[in-house]
Amino acid sequence: MTLPYERRYAIANARAFLWELLDPKVTPRVPKPIRKRAARLLKHYPHDFDMVDVSKAFGEPAKAPHDPPDGCLDCLRVERSKP
């Protein structure tokens, strides 16, 4: 069973990954069509404030006590880089 904070964390990680695909310094060998597709996906990808609205709609807490701070992509990168 996926908990609400796990769902938000997965969405935030996916957003951070798509942003990394757009940066040639972070992902130098990614083909241009993949970068364009990542950009198109990010155009309508939910932000942190969208996820708060979704949480409210489903009656879930907006944040779990151990969630990373809003917009903390560096926190997410550190978590993803752990083995």
C-alpha atoms as a PDB file:
ATOM      1  CA  MET A   1       0.000   0.000   0.000  1.00  0.00           C
ATOM      2  CA  THR A   2       1.380   3.396  -0.982  1.00  0.00           C
ATOM      3  CA  LEU A   3       1.103   6.047   1.703  1.00  0.00           C
ATOM      4  CA  PRO A   4       0.249   9.651   0.777  1.00  0.00           C
ATOM      5  CA  TYR A   5       3.714  10.976   1.578  1.00  0.00           C
ATOM      6  CA  GLU A   6       5.284   8.207  -0.547  1.00  0.00           C
ATOM      7  CA  ARG A   7       3.089   9.215  -3.496  1.00  0.00           C
ATOM      8  CA  ARG A   8       4.094  12.884  -3.125  1.00  0.00           C
ATOM      9  CA  TYR A   9       7.751  11.892  -2.797  1.00  0.00           C
ATOM     10  CA  ALA A  10       7.576   9.770  -5.979  1.00  0.00           C
ATOM     11  CA  ILE A  11       5.995  12.624  -7.924  1.00  0.00           C
ATOM     12  CA  ALA A  12       8.588  15.111  -6.663  1.00  0.00           C
ATOM     13  CA  ASN A  13      11.420  12.694  -7.542  1.00  0.00           C
ATOM     14  CA  ALA A  14      10.031  12.180 -11.042  1.00  0.00           C
ATOM     15  CA  ARG A  15       9.825  15.973 -11.512  1.00  0.00           C
ATOM     16  CA  ALA A  16      13.447  16.367 -10.364  1.00  0.00           C
ATOM     17  CA  PHE A  17      14.531  13.586 -12.732  1.00  0.00           C
ATOM     18  CA  LEU A  18      12.797  15.263 -15.694  1.00  0.00           C
ATOM     19  CA  TRP A  19      14.540  18.551 -14.854  1.00  0.00           C
ATOM     20  CA  GLU A  20      17.872  16.733 -14.736  1.00  0.00           C
ATOM     21  CA  LEU A  21      17.197  15.318 -18.205  1.00  0.00           C
ATOM     22  CA  LEU A  22      16.902  18.883 -19.492  1.00  0.00           C
ATOM     23  CA  ASP A  23      20.323  19.906 -18.175  1.00  0.00           C
ATOM     24  CA  PRO A  24      23.184  18.809 -20.458  1.00  0.00           C
ATOM     25  CA  LYS A  25      25.678  19.410 -17.634  1.00  0.00           C
ATOM     26  CA  VAL A  26      23.909  16.840 -15.450  1.00  0.00           C
ATOM     27  CA  THR A  27      22.987  14.373 -18.216  1.00  0.00           C
ATOM     28  CA  PRO A  28      25.440  15.039 -21.062  1.00  0.00           C
ATOM     29  CA  ARG A  29      24.653  12.087 -23.336  1.00  0.00           C
ATOM     30  CA  VAL A  30      20.859  12.362 -23.453  1.00  0.00           C
ATOM     31  CA  PRO A  31      19.583  12.714 -27.047  1.00  0.00           C
ATOM     32  CA  LYS A  32      17.775  15.907 -28.026  1.00  0.00           C
ATOM     33  CA  PRO A  33      14.396  14.147 -28.651  1.00  0.00           C
ATOM     34  CA  ILE A  34      14.458  12.851 -25.053  1.00  0.00           C
ATOM     35  CA  ARG A  35      15.187  16.348 -23.726  1.00  0.00           C
ATOM     36  CA  LYS A  36      12.283  17.728 -25.760  1.00  0.00           C
ATOM     37  CA  ARG A  37       9.957  15.029 -24.454  1.00  0.00           C
ATOM     38  CA  ALA A  38      11.002  15.782 -20.856  1.00  0.00           C
ATOM     39  CA  ALA A  39      10.272  19.473 -21.463  1.00  0.00           C
ATOM     40  CA  ARG A  40       6.809  18.664 -22.850  1.00  0.00           C
ATOM     41  CA  LEU A  41       6.043  16.459 -19.840  1.00  0.00           C
ATOM     42  CA  LEU A  42       7.162  19.137 -17.391  1.00  0.00           C
ATOM     43  CA  LYS A  43       4.930  21.741 -19.015  1.00  0.00           C
ATOM     44  CA  HIS A  44       1.878  20.313 -17.216  1.00  0.00           C
ATOM     45  CA  TYR A  45       3.553  18.275 -14.462  1.00  0.00           C
ATOM     46  CA  PRO A  46       2.131  18.926 -10.980  1.00  0.00           C
ATOM     47  CA  HIS A  47       4.025  21.220  -8.627  1.00  0.00           C
ATOM     48  CA  ASP A  48       4.141  21.039  -4.835  1.00  0.00           C
ATOM     49  CA  PHE A  49       1.177  23.420  -4.535  1.00  0.00           C
ATOM     50  CA  ASP A  50      -0.859  21.181  -6.880  1.00  0.00           C
ATOM     51  CA  MET A  51      -0.150  18.213  -4.653  1.00  0.00           C
ATOM     52  CA  VAL A  52      -1.480  20.107  -1.628  1.00  0.00           C
ATOM     53  CA  ASP A  53      -4.774  20.576  -3.503  1.00  0.00           C
ATOM     54  CA  VAL A  54      -4.892  16.873  -4.347  1.00  0.00           C
ATOM     55  CA  SER A  55      -4.170  15.939  -0.727  1.00  0.00           C
ATOM     56  CA  LYS A  56      -7.023  18.155   0.458  1.00  0.00           C
ATOM     57  CA  ALA A  57      -9.393  16.663  -2.124  1.00  0.00           C
ATOM     58  CA  PHE A  58      -8.657  13.155  -0.840  1.00  0.00           C
ATOM     59  CA  GLY A  59      -8.696  14.132   2.829  1.00  0.00           C
ATOM     60  CA  GLU A  60      -5.007  13.367   3.283  1.00  0.00           C
ATOM     61  CA  PRO A  61      -2.621  15.477   5.355  1.00  0.00           C
ATOM     62  CA  ALA A  62      -0.837  18.024   3.188  1.00  0.00           C
ATOM     63  CA  LYS A  63       2.552  17.005   4.595  1.00  0.00           C
ATOM     64  CA  ALA A  64       3.892  14.155   6.649  1.00  0.00           C
ATOM     65  CA  PRO A  65       6.194  15.211   9.508  1.00  0.00           C
ATOM     66  CA  HIS A  66       9.238  13.708   7.738  1.00  0.00           C
ATOM     67  CA  ASP A  67       8.555  15.132   4.226  1.00  0.00           C
ATOM     68  CA  PRO A  68      11.388  17.181   2.722  1.00  0.00           C
ATOM     69  CA  PRO A  69      10.775  20.956   2.594  1.00  0.00           C
ATOM     70  CA  ASP A  70       8.760  22.226  -0.386  1.00  0.00           C
ATOM     71  CA  GLY A  71      10.871  22.663  -3.484  1.00  0.00           C
ATOM     72  CA  CYS A  72      13.852  20.905  -1.917  1.00  0.00           C
ATOM     73  CA  LEU A  73      15.243  19.297  -5.059  1.00  0.00           C
ATOM     74  CA  ASP A  74      18.685  19.004  -3.457  1.00  0.00           C
ATOM     75  CA  CYS A  75      17.117  16.865  -0.709  1.00  0.00           C
ATOM     76  CA  LEU A  76      15.543  14.654  -3.349  1.00  0.00           C
ATOM     77  CA  ARG A  77      18.790  14.314  -5.317  1.00  0.00           C
ATOM     78  CA  VAL A  78      20.617  13.214  -2.172  1.00  0.00           C
ATOM     79  CA  GLU A  79      17.948  10.603  -1.455  1.00  0.00           C
ATOM     80  CA  ARG A  80      18.007   9.263  -5.015  1.00  0.00           C
ATOM     81  CA  SER A  81      21.802   9.003  -5.052  1.00  0.00           C
ATOM     82  CA  LYS A  82      21.820   6.693  -2.037  1.00  0.00           C
ATOM     83  CA  PRO A  83      22.393   3.013  -2.928  1.00  0.00           C
END
